[in-house]
N, C-alpha and C. Protein backbone atom coordinates (compact mmCIF):
# COMPACT_ATOMS: atom_id res chain seq x y z
N UNK A 1 120.61 -88.32 68.35
CA UNK A 1 121.10 -89.70 68.35
C UNK A 1 120.10 -90.61 69.03
N UNK A 2 119.55 -90.14 70.16
CA UNK A 2 118.56 -90.92 70.89
C UNK A 2 117.28 -91.06 70.09
N UNK A 3 116.89 -89.98 69.37
CA UNK A 3 115.67 -90.00 68.58
C UNK A 3 115.78 -91.02 67.45
N UNK A 4 116.94 -91.09 66.77
CA UNK A 4 117.14 -92.05 65.69
C UNK A 4 117.03 -93.47 66.21
N UNK A 5 117.62 -93.69 67.39
CA UNK A 5 117.56 -95.02 67.99
C UNK A 5 116.12 -95.42 68.28
N UNK A 6 115.32 -94.46 68.75
CA UNK A 6 113.92 -94.74 69.03
C UNK A 6 113.15 -95.09 67.78
N UNK A 7 113.42 -94.36 66.68
CA UNK A 7 112.73 -94.63 65.42
C UNK A 7 113.11 -96.00 64.89
N UNK A 8 114.40 -96.33 64.98
CA UNK A 8 114.84 -97.65 64.53
C UNK A 8 114.20 -98.75 65.35
N UNK A 9 114.07 -98.50 66.64
CA UNK A 9 113.45 -99.49 67.52
C UNK A 9 112.00 -99.71 67.16
N UNK A 10 111.28 -98.63 66.82
CA UNK A 10 109.88 -98.74 66.42
C UNK A 10 109.74 -99.57 65.15
N UNK A 11 110.64 -99.36 64.19
CA UNK A 11 110.59 -100.12 62.95
C UNK A 11 110.87 -101.59 63.21
N UNK A 12 111.83 -101.85 64.07
CA UNK A 12 112.16 -103.24 64.39
C UNK A 12 110.99 -103.93 65.08
N UNK A 13 110.32 -103.21 65.96
CA UNK A 13 109.17 -103.79 66.65
C UNK A 13 108.03 -104.08 65.70
N UNK A 14 107.84 -103.17 64.73
CA UNK A 14 106.79 -103.40 63.74
C UNK A 14 107.06 -104.65 62.93
N UNK A 15 108.31 -104.82 62.50
CA UNK A 15 108.68 -106.00 61.73
C UNK A 15 108.53 -107.27 62.55
N UNK A 16 108.96 -107.20 63.83
CA UNK A 16 108.86 -108.37 64.68
C UNK A 16 107.40 -108.72 64.95
N UNK A 17 106.58 -107.69 65.13
CA UNK A 17 105.17 -107.95 65.41
C UNK A 17 104.48 -108.63 64.24
N UNK A 18 105.00 -108.38 63.05
CA UNK A 18 104.39 -108.99 61.87
C UNK A 18 104.91 -110.40 61.62
N UNK A 19 105.97 -110.78 62.35
CA UNK A 19 106.55 -112.12 62.21
C UNK A 19 106.98 -112.42 60.79
N UNK A 20 107.42 -111.43 60.06
CA UNK A 20 107.87 -111.61 58.68
C UNK A 20 109.33 -111.20 58.61
N UNK A 21 110.23 -112.15 58.61
CA UNK A 21 111.66 -111.80 58.64
C UNK A 21 112.10 -111.09 57.39
N UNK A 22 112.91 -110.02 57.59
CA UNK A 22 113.56 -109.29 56.51
C UNK A 22 112.59 -108.56 55.57
N UNK A 23 111.33 -108.54 55.88
CA UNK A 23 110.39 -107.81 55.03
C UNK A 23 110.41 -106.34 55.40
N UNK A 24 110.34 -105.48 54.41
CA UNK A 24 110.35 -104.05 54.70
C UNK A 24 109.06 -103.65 55.41
N UNK A 25 109.16 -102.68 56.29
CA UNK A 25 108.00 -102.22 57.03
C UNK A 25 106.94 -101.67 56.09
N UNK A 26 107.37 -100.97 55.05
CA UNK A 26 106.44 -100.39 54.08
C UNK A 26 105.65 -101.49 53.37
N UNK A 27 106.34 -102.53 52.95
CA UNK A 27 105.67 -103.64 52.27
C UNK A 27 104.64 -104.30 53.17
N UNK A 28 105.01 -104.51 54.42
CA UNK A 28 104.08 -105.11 55.38
C UNK A 28 102.84 -104.25 55.55
N UNK A 29 103.05 -102.94 55.66
CA UNK A 29 101.92 -102.03 55.86
C UNK A 29 100.99 -102.02 54.65
N UNK A 30 101.58 -102.02 53.44
CA UNK A 30 100.76 -102.02 52.22
C UNK A 30 99.94 -103.30 52.13
N UNK A 31 100.59 -104.44 52.34
CA UNK A 31 99.89 -105.72 52.28
C UNK A 31 98.81 -105.81 53.35
N UNK A 32 99.14 -105.39 54.56
CA UNK A 32 98.17 -105.45 55.66
C UNK A 32 96.98 -104.54 55.39
N UNK A 33 97.23 -103.35 54.82
CA UNK A 33 96.14 -102.43 54.51
C UNK A 33 95.20 -103.01 53.46
N UNK A 34 95.77 -103.56 52.40
CA UNK A 34 94.94 -104.15 51.34
C UNK A 34 94.17 -105.35 51.88
N UNK A 35 94.87 -106.20 52.65
CA UNK A 35 94.20 -107.36 53.23
C UNK A 35 93.05 -106.96 54.14
N UNK A 36 93.23 -105.86 54.86
CA UNK A 36 92.18 -105.41 55.77
C UNK A 36 90.92 -105.00 55.01
N UNK A 37 91.09 -104.46 53.80
CA UNK A 37 89.93 -104.11 52.97
C UNK A 37 89.12 -105.36 52.65
N UNK A 38 89.81 -106.41 52.22
CA UNK A 38 89.12 -107.66 51.87
C UNK A 38 88.50 -108.31 53.09
N UNK A 39 89.22 -108.26 54.21
CA UNK A 39 88.71 -108.88 55.44
C UNK A 39 87.44 -108.18 55.91
N UNK A 40 87.46 -106.85 55.93
CA UNK A 40 86.28 -106.12 56.40
C UNK A 40 85.12 -106.20 55.42
N UNK A 41 85.43 -106.21 54.12
CA UNK A 41 84.35 -106.38 53.15
C UNK A 41 83.72 -107.75 53.30
N UNK A 42 84.55 -108.77 53.58
CA UNK A 42 84.03 -110.12 53.78
C UNK A 42 83.15 -110.21 55.02
N UNK A 43 83.57 -109.54 56.09
CA UNK A 43 82.79 -109.57 57.33
C UNK A 43 81.46 -108.85 57.16
N UNK A 44 81.47 -107.74 56.40
CA UNK A 44 80.23 -107.01 56.16
C UNK A 44 79.29 -107.83 55.29
N UNK A 45 79.83 -108.41 54.23
CA UNK A 45 79.02 -109.22 53.31
C UNK A 45 78.45 -110.45 54.03
N UNK A 46 79.16 -110.95 55.03
CA UNK A 46 78.69 -112.13 55.75
C UNK A 46 77.32 -111.92 56.37
N UNK A 47 76.98 -110.67 56.67
CA UNK A 47 75.68 -110.39 57.27
C UNK A 47 74.52 -110.63 56.30
N UNK A 48 74.83 -110.76 55.00
CA UNK A 48 73.77 -111.06 54.04
C UNK A 48 73.16 -112.43 54.30
N UNK A 49 73.89 -113.28 55.01
CA UNK A 49 73.37 -114.61 55.30
C UNK A 49 72.15 -114.55 56.21
N UNK A 50 72.07 -113.48 57.03
CA UNK A 50 70.97 -113.37 57.98
C UNK A 50 69.61 -113.15 57.31
N UNK A 51 69.46 -112.12 56.44
CA UNK A 51 68.16 -111.99 55.76
C UNK A 51 67.85 -113.16 54.84
N UNK A 52 68.89 -113.81 54.30
CA UNK A 52 68.66 -114.98 53.45
C UNK A 52 68.05 -116.12 54.26
N UNK A 53 68.61 -116.37 55.44
CA UNK A 53 68.09 -117.43 56.30
C UNK A 53 66.68 -117.09 56.79
N UNK A 54 66.47 -115.82 57.15
CA UNK A 54 65.15 -115.40 57.63
C UNK A 54 64.09 -115.58 56.55
N UNK A 55 64.42 -115.21 55.31
CA UNK A 55 63.45 -115.35 54.22
C UNK A 55 63.12 -116.81 53.97
N UNK A 56 64.12 -117.67 54.05
CA UNK A 56 63.87 -119.11 53.84
C UNK A 56 63.04 -119.69 54.98
N UNK A 57 63.34 -119.29 56.21
CA UNK A 57 62.57 -119.77 57.35
C UNK A 57 61.12 -119.29 57.26
N UNK A 58 60.94 -118.04 56.85
CA UNK A 58 59.59 -117.49 56.71
C UNK A 58 58.80 -118.28 55.68
N UNK A 59 59.47 -118.61 54.57
CA UNK A 59 58.81 -119.37 53.51
C UNK A 59 58.43 -120.77 53.99
N UNK A 60 59.33 -121.45 54.66
CA UNK A 60 59.06 -122.81 55.14
C UNK A 60 57.92 -122.82 56.15
N UNK A 61 57.97 -121.89 57.11
CA UNK A 61 56.91 -121.84 58.13
C UNK A 61 55.57 -121.48 57.50
N UNK A 62 55.58 -120.46 56.62
CA UNK A 62 54.34 -120.04 55.98
C UNK A 62 53.76 -121.13 55.09
N UNK A 63 54.61 -121.82 54.36
CA UNK A 63 54.13 -122.84 53.41
C UNK A 63 53.63 -124.09 54.11
N UNK A 64 54.38 -124.61 55.07
CA UNK A 64 54.07 -125.91 55.63
C UNK A 64 53.25 -125.87 56.92
N UNK A 65 53.24 -124.72 57.61
CA UNK A 65 52.47 -124.64 58.84
C UNK A 65 51.17 -123.86 58.67
N UNK A 66 51.15 -122.89 57.75
CA UNK A 66 49.96 -122.06 57.57
C UNK A 66 49.39 -122.13 56.16
N UNK A 67 50.01 -122.94 55.31
CA UNK A 67 49.58 -123.09 53.93
C UNK A 67 49.48 -121.74 53.21
N UNK A 68 50.45 -120.86 53.49
CA UNK A 68 50.49 -119.53 52.89
C UNK A 68 51.89 -119.27 52.32
N UNK A 69 52.21 -119.90 51.19
CA UNK A 69 53.53 -119.68 50.58
C UNK A 69 53.66 -118.25 50.06
N UNK A 70 54.87 -117.76 49.98
CA UNK A 70 55.13 -116.41 49.50
C UNK A 70 55.54 -116.46 48.02
N UNK A 71 55.48 -115.31 47.38
CA UNK A 71 55.96 -115.21 45.99
C UNK A 71 57.34 -114.55 45.93
N UNK A 72 57.88 -114.16 47.12
CA UNK A 72 59.11 -113.39 47.11
C UNK A 72 60.30 -114.07 47.79
N UNK A 73 60.03 -115.02 48.70
CA UNK A 73 61.11 -115.58 49.52
C UNK A 73 62.17 -116.29 48.68
N UNK A 74 61.74 -117.08 47.72
CA UNK A 74 62.69 -117.82 46.88
C UNK A 74 63.57 -116.88 46.07
N UNK A 75 62.95 -115.87 45.45
CA UNK A 75 63.71 -114.89 44.66
C UNK A 75 64.68 -114.11 45.54
N UNK A 76 64.22 -113.68 46.71
CA UNK A 76 65.06 -112.89 47.60
C UNK A 76 66.27 -113.69 48.08
N UNK A 77 66.04 -114.95 48.45
CA UNK A 77 67.15 -115.77 48.91
C UNK A 77 68.15 -116.05 47.79
N UNK A 78 67.66 -116.20 46.55
CA UNK A 78 68.55 -116.42 45.41
C UNK A 78 69.40 -115.18 45.14
N UNK A 79 68.78 -114.01 45.19
CA UNK A 79 69.50 -112.75 44.97
C UNK A 79 70.54 -112.54 46.06
N UNK A 80 70.16 -112.76 47.30
CA UNK A 80 71.09 -112.56 48.41
C UNK A 80 72.25 -113.54 48.36
N UNK A 81 71.95 -114.78 47.99
CA UNK A 81 73.03 -115.77 47.90
C UNK A 81 73.99 -115.42 46.77
N UNK A 82 73.44 -114.95 45.65
CA UNK A 82 74.30 -114.54 44.54
C UNK A 82 75.22 -113.39 44.93
N UNK A 83 74.66 -112.40 45.65
CA UNK A 83 75.47 -111.27 46.12
C UNK A 83 76.50 -111.74 47.14
N UNK A 84 76.09 -112.63 48.03
CA UNK A 84 76.99 -113.20 49.04
C UNK A 84 78.17 -113.91 48.39
N UNK A 85 77.88 -114.68 47.36
CA UNK A 85 78.92 -115.44 46.65
C UNK A 85 79.89 -114.51 45.92
N UNK A 86 79.37 -113.52 45.21
CA UNK A 86 80.22 -112.63 44.43
C UNK A 86 81.06 -111.72 45.34
N UNK A 87 80.43 -111.08 46.30
CA UNK A 87 81.12 -110.08 47.10
C UNK A 87 82.07 -110.70 48.12
N UNK A 88 81.93 -111.99 48.37
CA UNK A 88 82.84 -112.66 49.29
C UNK A 88 84.08 -113.23 48.63
N UNK A 89 84.20 -113.06 47.31
CA UNK A 89 85.31 -113.67 46.57
C UNK A 89 86.66 -113.10 46.98
N UNK A 90 86.74 -111.79 47.20
CA UNK A 90 88.02 -111.18 47.58
C UNK A 90 88.46 -111.66 48.96
N UNK A 91 87.51 -111.82 49.87
CA UNK A 91 87.84 -112.34 51.20
C UNK A 91 88.36 -113.77 51.09
N UNK A 92 87.71 -114.58 50.24
CA UNK A 92 88.16 -115.96 50.03
C UNK A 92 89.57 -115.99 49.46
N UNK A 93 89.87 -115.07 48.55
CA UNK A 93 91.22 -115.00 47.98
C UNK A 93 92.24 -114.64 49.06
N UNK A 94 91.91 -113.67 49.90
CA UNK A 94 92.83 -113.26 50.95
C UNK A 94 93.10 -114.40 51.92
N UNK A 95 92.10 -115.23 52.18
CA UNK A 95 92.25 -116.35 53.10
C UNK A 95 92.77 -117.60 52.40
N UNK A 96 93.12 -117.49 51.10
CA UNK A 96 93.67 -118.61 50.34
C UNK A 96 92.69 -119.79 50.28
N UNK A 97 91.42 -119.49 50.02
CA UNK A 97 90.39 -120.52 50.02
C UNK A 97 89.92 -120.91 48.62
N UNK A 98 90.47 -120.27 47.59
CA UNK A 98 90.09 -120.66 46.24
C UNK A 98 90.76 -121.98 45.88
N UNK A 99 90.12 -122.73 44.98
CA UNK A 99 90.61 -124.05 44.61
C UNK A 99 91.89 -123.95 43.80
N UNK A 100 92.87 -124.78 44.14
CA UNK A 100 94.07 -124.92 43.34
C UNK A 100 94.51 -126.38 43.39
N UNK A 101 95.43 -126.75 42.51
CA UNK A 101 95.89 -128.13 42.44
C UNK A 101 96.92 -128.37 43.55
N UNK A 102 96.42 -128.66 44.75
CA UNK A 102 97.28 -128.74 45.92
C UNK A 102 98.28 -129.87 45.86
N UNK A 103 97.95 -130.98 45.21
CA UNK A 103 98.87 -132.12 45.23
C UNK A 103 100.17 -131.80 44.49
N UNK A 104 100.15 -130.78 43.65
CA UNK A 104 101.37 -130.29 43.03
C UNK A 104 101.91 -129.07 43.77
N UNK A 105 101.03 -128.13 44.02
CA UNK A 105 101.41 -126.84 44.58
C UNK A 105 102.08 -126.96 45.94
N UNK A 106 101.53 -127.82 46.80
CA UNK A 106 102.05 -127.93 48.16
C UNK A 106 103.45 -128.53 48.22
N UNK A 107 103.88 -129.18 47.16
CA UNK A 107 105.22 -129.78 47.14
C UNK A 107 106.29 -128.78 46.73
N UNK A 108 105.88 -127.62 46.21
CA UNK A 108 106.84 -126.64 45.75
C UNK A 108 107.39 -125.82 46.93
N UNK A 109 108.58 -125.28 46.72
CA UNK A 109 109.17 -124.37 47.70
C UNK A 109 108.46 -123.02 47.63
N UNK A 110 108.55 -122.21 48.69
CA UNK A 110 107.94 -120.86 48.63
C UNK A 110 108.44 -120.05 47.45
N UNK A 111 109.71 -120.19 47.08
CA UNK A 111 110.25 -119.43 45.96
C UNK A 111 109.59 -119.86 44.64
N UNK A 112 109.44 -121.17 44.45
CA UNK A 112 108.79 -121.67 43.23
C UNK A 112 107.33 -121.25 43.18
N UNK A 113 106.65 -121.37 44.32
CA UNK A 113 105.25 -120.91 44.39
C UNK A 113 105.15 -119.44 44.03
N UNK A 114 106.06 -118.64 44.55
CA UNK A 114 106.04 -117.21 44.27
C UNK A 114 106.26 -116.91 42.81
N UNK A 115 107.18 -117.62 42.17
CA UNK A 115 107.46 -117.41 40.76
C UNK A 115 106.26 -117.78 39.90
N UNK A 116 105.66 -118.93 40.18
CA UNK A 116 104.50 -119.39 39.40
C UNK A 116 103.31 -118.47 39.63
N UNK A 117 103.05 -118.13 40.90
CA UNK A 117 101.92 -117.25 41.21
C UNK A 117 102.09 -115.88 40.57
N UNK A 118 103.29 -115.34 40.63
CA UNK A 118 103.54 -114.01 40.03
C UNK A 118 103.24 -114.03 38.53
N UNK A 119 103.71 -115.07 37.87
CA UNK A 119 103.45 -115.19 36.42
C UNK A 119 101.95 -115.30 36.15
N UNK A 120 101.25 -116.13 36.91
CA UNK A 120 99.82 -116.33 36.68
C UNK A 120 99.01 -115.08 36.97
N UNK A 121 99.38 -114.35 38.02
CA UNK A 121 98.67 -113.11 38.32
C UNK A 121 98.84 -112.09 37.18
N UNK A 122 100.07 -111.96 36.69
CA UNK A 122 100.35 -110.97 35.64
C UNK A 122 99.81 -111.40 34.28
N UNK A 123 99.89 -112.68 33.98
CA UNK A 123 99.52 -113.16 32.65
C UNK A 123 98.03 -113.44 32.51
N UNK A 124 97.37 -113.86 33.60
CA UNK A 124 95.98 -114.29 33.48
C UNK A 124 95.02 -113.57 34.44
N UNK A 125 95.42 -113.44 35.69
CA UNK A 125 94.50 -112.91 36.69
C UNK A 125 94.08 -111.47 36.39
N UNK A 126 95.05 -110.57 36.31
CA UNK A 126 94.71 -109.16 36.08
C UNK A 126 94.11 -108.90 34.70
N UNK A 127 94.66 -109.46 33.61
CA UNK A 127 94.02 -109.27 32.30
C UNK A 127 92.60 -109.85 32.27
N UNK A 128 92.42 -111.04 32.85
CA UNK A 128 91.10 -111.66 32.85
C UNK A 128 90.09 -110.85 33.62
N UNK A 129 90.47 -110.37 34.81
CA UNK A 129 89.56 -109.55 35.60
C UNK A 129 89.31 -108.20 34.95
N UNK A 130 90.32 -107.68 34.25
CA UNK A 130 90.12 -106.42 33.54
C UNK A 130 89.03 -106.55 32.47
N UNK A 131 89.07 -107.65 31.74
CA UNK A 131 88.04 -107.91 30.72
C UNK A 131 86.68 -108.11 31.38
N UNK A 132 86.68 -108.91 32.45
CA UNK A 132 85.41 -109.17 33.14
C UNK A 132 84.84 -107.90 33.74
N UNK A 133 85.70 -107.00 34.21
CA UNK A 133 85.26 -105.73 34.76
C UNK A 133 84.51 -104.92 33.70
N UNK A 134 85.08 -104.84 32.52
CA UNK A 134 84.47 -104.07 31.43
C UNK A 134 83.14 -104.69 31.02
N UNK A 135 83.12 -106.01 30.85
CA UNK A 135 81.90 -106.70 30.42
C UNK A 135 80.81 -106.61 31.49
N UNK A 136 81.17 -106.87 32.74
CA UNK A 136 80.18 -106.88 33.82
C UNK A 136 79.61 -105.50 34.08
N UNK A 137 80.44 -104.46 33.91
CA UNK A 137 79.92 -103.11 34.10
C UNK A 137 78.90 -102.76 33.02
N UNK A 138 79.18 -103.12 31.79
CA UNK A 138 78.22 -102.90 30.72
C UNK A 138 76.92 -103.66 31.00
N UNK A 139 77.06 -104.88 31.47
CA UNK A 139 75.93 -105.74 31.80
C UNK A 139 75.09 -105.12 32.91
N UNK A 140 75.75 -104.64 33.97
CA UNK A 140 75.04 -104.06 35.10
C UNK A 140 74.43 -102.70 34.74
N UNK A 141 75.18 -101.88 34.00
CA UNK A 141 74.68 -100.56 33.64
C UNK A 141 73.43 -100.65 32.77
N UNK A 142 73.43 -101.58 31.83
CA UNK A 142 72.26 -101.78 30.98
C UNK A 142 71.06 -102.18 31.83
N UNK A 143 71.29 -103.04 32.83
CA UNK A 143 70.21 -103.47 33.71
C UNK A 143 69.67 -102.31 34.54
N UNK A 144 70.56 -101.41 34.97
CA UNK A 144 70.13 -100.24 35.74
C UNK A 144 69.29 -99.31 34.87
N UNK A 145 69.77 -99.03 33.67
CA UNK A 145 69.06 -98.12 32.77
C UNK A 145 67.67 -98.64 32.44
N UNK A 146 67.56 -99.94 32.21
CA UNK A 146 66.28 -100.54 31.83
C UNK A 146 65.42 -100.88 33.04
N UNK A 147 65.98 -100.72 34.25
CA UNK A 147 65.27 -101.14 35.46
C UNK A 147 64.79 -102.59 35.30
N UNK A 148 65.73 -103.42 34.92
CA UNK A 148 65.43 -104.81 34.58
C UNK A 148 64.86 -105.58 35.77
N UNK A 149 63.90 -106.43 35.46
CA UNK A 149 63.27 -107.27 36.47
C UNK A 149 63.33 -108.74 36.06
N UNK A 150 63.10 -109.62 37.02
CA UNK A 150 63.05 -111.05 36.73
C UNK A 150 61.65 -111.37 36.22
N UNK A 151 61.53 -111.51 34.93
CA UNK A 151 60.21 -111.68 34.31
C UNK A 151 59.65 -113.07 34.52
N UNK A 152 60.48 -114.03 34.91
CA UNK A 152 59.99 -115.39 35.14
C UNK A 152 59.41 -115.57 36.53
N UNK A 153 59.47 -114.51 37.34
CA UNK A 153 58.96 -114.59 38.70
C UNK A 153 57.66 -113.81 38.83
N UNK A 154 56.67 -114.34 39.55
CA UNK A 154 55.43 -113.58 39.76
C UNK A 154 55.66 -112.33 40.59
N UNK A 155 56.71 -112.31 41.40
CA UNK A 155 57.06 -111.14 42.20
C UNK A 155 57.73 -110.07 41.35
N UNK A 156 58.47 -110.49 40.33
CA UNK A 156 59.18 -109.62 39.39
C UNK A 156 60.06 -108.59 40.10
N UNK A 157 61.01 -109.03 40.90
CA UNK A 157 61.89 -108.06 41.58
C UNK A 157 62.90 -107.46 40.59
N UNK A 158 63.40 -106.27 40.91
CA UNK A 158 64.47 -105.70 40.10
C UNK A 158 65.73 -106.55 40.29
N UNK A 159 66.50 -106.69 39.22
CA UNK A 159 67.65 -107.58 39.25
C UNK A 159 68.98 -106.83 39.17
N UNK A 160 68.93 -105.52 38.90
CA UNK A 160 70.20 -104.80 38.72
C UNK A 160 71.06 -104.75 39.99
N UNK A 161 70.50 -104.76 41.22
CA UNK A 161 71.41 -104.79 42.37
C UNK A 161 72.30 -106.04 42.38
N UNK A 162 71.74 -107.18 41.98
CA UNK A 162 72.54 -108.39 41.91
C UNK A 162 73.60 -108.29 40.82
N UNK A 163 73.21 -107.77 39.65
CA UNK A 163 74.17 -107.64 38.55
C UNK A 163 75.26 -106.63 38.89
N UNK A 164 74.93 -105.63 39.71
CA UNK A 164 75.92 -104.63 40.08
C UNK A 164 77.00 -105.22 40.99
N UNK A 165 76.67 -106.31 41.67
CA UNK A 165 77.68 -106.93 42.52
C UNK A 165 78.85 -107.50 41.71
N UNK A 166 78.64 -107.76 40.43
CA UNK A 166 79.71 -108.33 39.62
C UNK A 166 80.87 -107.35 39.42
N UNK A 167 80.63 -106.12 38.94
CA UNK A 167 81.77 -105.20 38.85
C UNK A 167 82.33 -104.79 40.22
N UNK A 168 81.47 -104.71 41.23
CA UNK A 168 81.96 -104.38 42.57
C UNK A 168 82.88 -105.49 43.08
N UNK A 169 82.46 -106.73 42.90
CA UNK A 169 83.29 -107.86 43.32
C UNK A 169 84.60 -107.89 42.54
N UNK A 170 84.55 -107.51 41.28
CA UNK A 170 85.76 -107.49 40.46
C UNK A 170 86.74 -106.44 40.97
N UNK A 171 86.23 -105.28 41.36
CA UNK A 171 87.09 -104.24 41.94
C UNK A 171 87.77 -104.75 43.21
N UNK A 172 87.00 -105.41 44.07
CA UNK A 172 87.57 -105.96 45.30
C UNK A 172 88.62 -107.02 45.00
N UNK A 173 88.37 -107.85 43.98
CA UNK A 173 89.34 -108.88 43.60
C UNK A 173 90.61 -108.26 43.02
N UNK A 174 90.46 -107.20 42.25
CA UNK A 174 91.63 -106.52 41.70
C UNK A 174 92.48 -105.91 42.81
N UNK A 175 91.81 -105.31 43.79
CA UNK A 175 92.54 -104.72 44.92
C UNK A 175 93.28 -105.81 45.70
N UNK A 176 92.58 -106.90 46.00
CA UNK A 176 93.24 -107.97 46.74
C UNK A 176 94.32 -108.64 45.90
N UNK A 177 94.14 -108.64 44.58
CA UNK A 177 95.15 -109.21 43.69
C UNK A 177 96.49 -108.48 43.80
N UNK A 178 96.44 -107.18 44.06
CA UNK A 178 97.69 -106.42 44.25
C UNK A 178 98.45 -106.97 45.45
N UNK A 179 97.72 -107.21 46.55
CA UNK A 179 98.35 -107.78 47.74
C UNK A 179 98.94 -109.15 47.45
N UNK A 180 98.17 -109.98 46.74
CA UNK A 180 98.64 -111.34 46.44
C UNK A 180 99.86 -111.31 45.52
N UNK A 181 99.88 -110.37 44.57
CA UNK A 181 101.03 -110.25 43.68
C UNK A 181 102.27 -109.81 44.46
N UNK A 182 102.10 -108.86 45.37
CA UNK A 182 103.23 -108.42 46.19
C UNK A 182 103.77 -109.57 47.03
N UNK A 183 102.89 -110.36 47.61
CA UNK A 183 103.32 -111.52 48.38
C UNK A 183 104.07 -112.52 47.50
N UNK A 184 103.55 -112.74 46.29
CA UNK A 184 104.16 -113.70 45.38
C UNK A 184 105.54 -113.22 44.91
N UNK A 185 105.64 -111.95 44.58
CA UNK A 185 106.92 -111.40 44.15
C UNK A 185 107.95 -111.46 45.27
N UNK A 186 107.51 -111.18 46.49
CA UNK A 186 108.41 -111.25 47.63
C UNK A 186 108.88 -112.68 47.86
N UNK A 187 107.96 -113.64 47.73
CA UNK A 187 108.33 -115.04 47.89
C UNK A 187 109.30 -115.48 46.80
N UNK A 188 109.07 -115.02 45.57
CA UNK A 188 109.96 -115.38 44.46
C UNK A 188 111.35 -114.80 44.66
N UNK A 189 111.42 -113.63 45.27
CA UNK A 189 112.70 -112.95 45.45
C UNK A 189 113.47 -113.45 46.67
N UNK A 190 112.74 -113.72 47.76
CA UNK A 190 113.41 -114.06 49.03
C UNK A 190 113.22 -115.50 49.46
N UNK A 191 112.21 -116.18 48.90
CA UNK A 191 111.91 -117.53 49.36
C UNK A 191 111.10 -117.57 50.64
N UNK A 192 110.56 -116.42 51.05
CA UNK A 192 109.76 -116.32 52.27
C UNK A 192 108.29 -116.11 51.92
N UNK A 193 107.43 -116.94 52.47
CA UNK A 193 105.99 -116.85 52.20
C UNK A 193 105.35 -115.88 53.20
N UNK A 194 104.70 -114.85 52.70
CA UNK A 194 104.06 -113.86 53.57
C UNK A 194 102.60 -114.18 53.87
N UNK A 195 102.04 -115.19 53.24
CA UNK A 195 100.60 -115.40 53.35
C UNK A 195 100.14 -115.66 54.78
N UNK A 196 100.79 -116.57 55.48
CA UNK A 196 100.33 -116.90 56.82
C UNK A 196 100.45 -115.71 57.75
N UNK A 197 101.57 -114.98 57.68
CA UNK A 197 101.78 -113.86 58.60
C UNK A 197 100.89 -112.67 58.25
N UNK A 198 100.74 -112.40 56.93
CA UNK A 198 99.89 -111.28 56.54
C UNK A 198 98.46 -111.55 56.90
N UNK A 199 98.07 -112.84 56.93
CA UNK A 199 96.71 -113.18 57.29
C UNK A 199 96.38 -112.91 58.75
N UNK A 200 97.41 -112.74 59.57
CA UNK A 200 97.20 -112.49 60.98
C UNK A 200 96.52 -111.16 61.24
N UNK A 201 96.47 -110.28 60.24
CA UNK A 201 95.84 -108.97 60.43
C UNK A 201 94.38 -109.11 60.81
N UNK A 202 93.75 -110.26 60.47
CA UNK A 202 92.34 -110.43 60.78
C UNK A 202 92.10 -110.49 62.27
N UNK A 203 93.05 -111.01 63.00
CA UNK A 203 92.87 -111.11 64.43
C UNK A 203 93.14 -109.79 65.13
């Protein structure tokens, strides 16, 4: 009897710690786990900004102070920025930073938002990303097989690492999409928005 009481107390504490009323502990854990994948991938990808900045600084100093421009800095910074943009998409989705029509959306109740979001995720988001996943993988795989390079650049760097970020980013978006769909379905069913509380996992 005492053991059951302890287990119930642990579950209650978990729910309270998440600040999500009436949400099942299992649902909270699933959403938090998926969100943590996007958060950590975003934090890791953020470090790409460092070599990008260094390459640009090296180019500026070399070009304007020593009259020794490079043939690689511009290409490297473009590749890194492209990877940074693609691989950070899932983190942006988790943080609700993608563009939406806020002047309409913000006026809706959590239940209406959940219903609309659930429909859009099922009807457009997952099918669209599924198609993009197939196309981008073919695109990246062909580049890997051919060891494709940027022929317009005198440096001619290989380009397949950048193209490979497209299917990888799509996988991360699909994973985070599951979390967003669960949040939307919960909001449609209960009228409670989980986004703000689930986002607390980052801290």
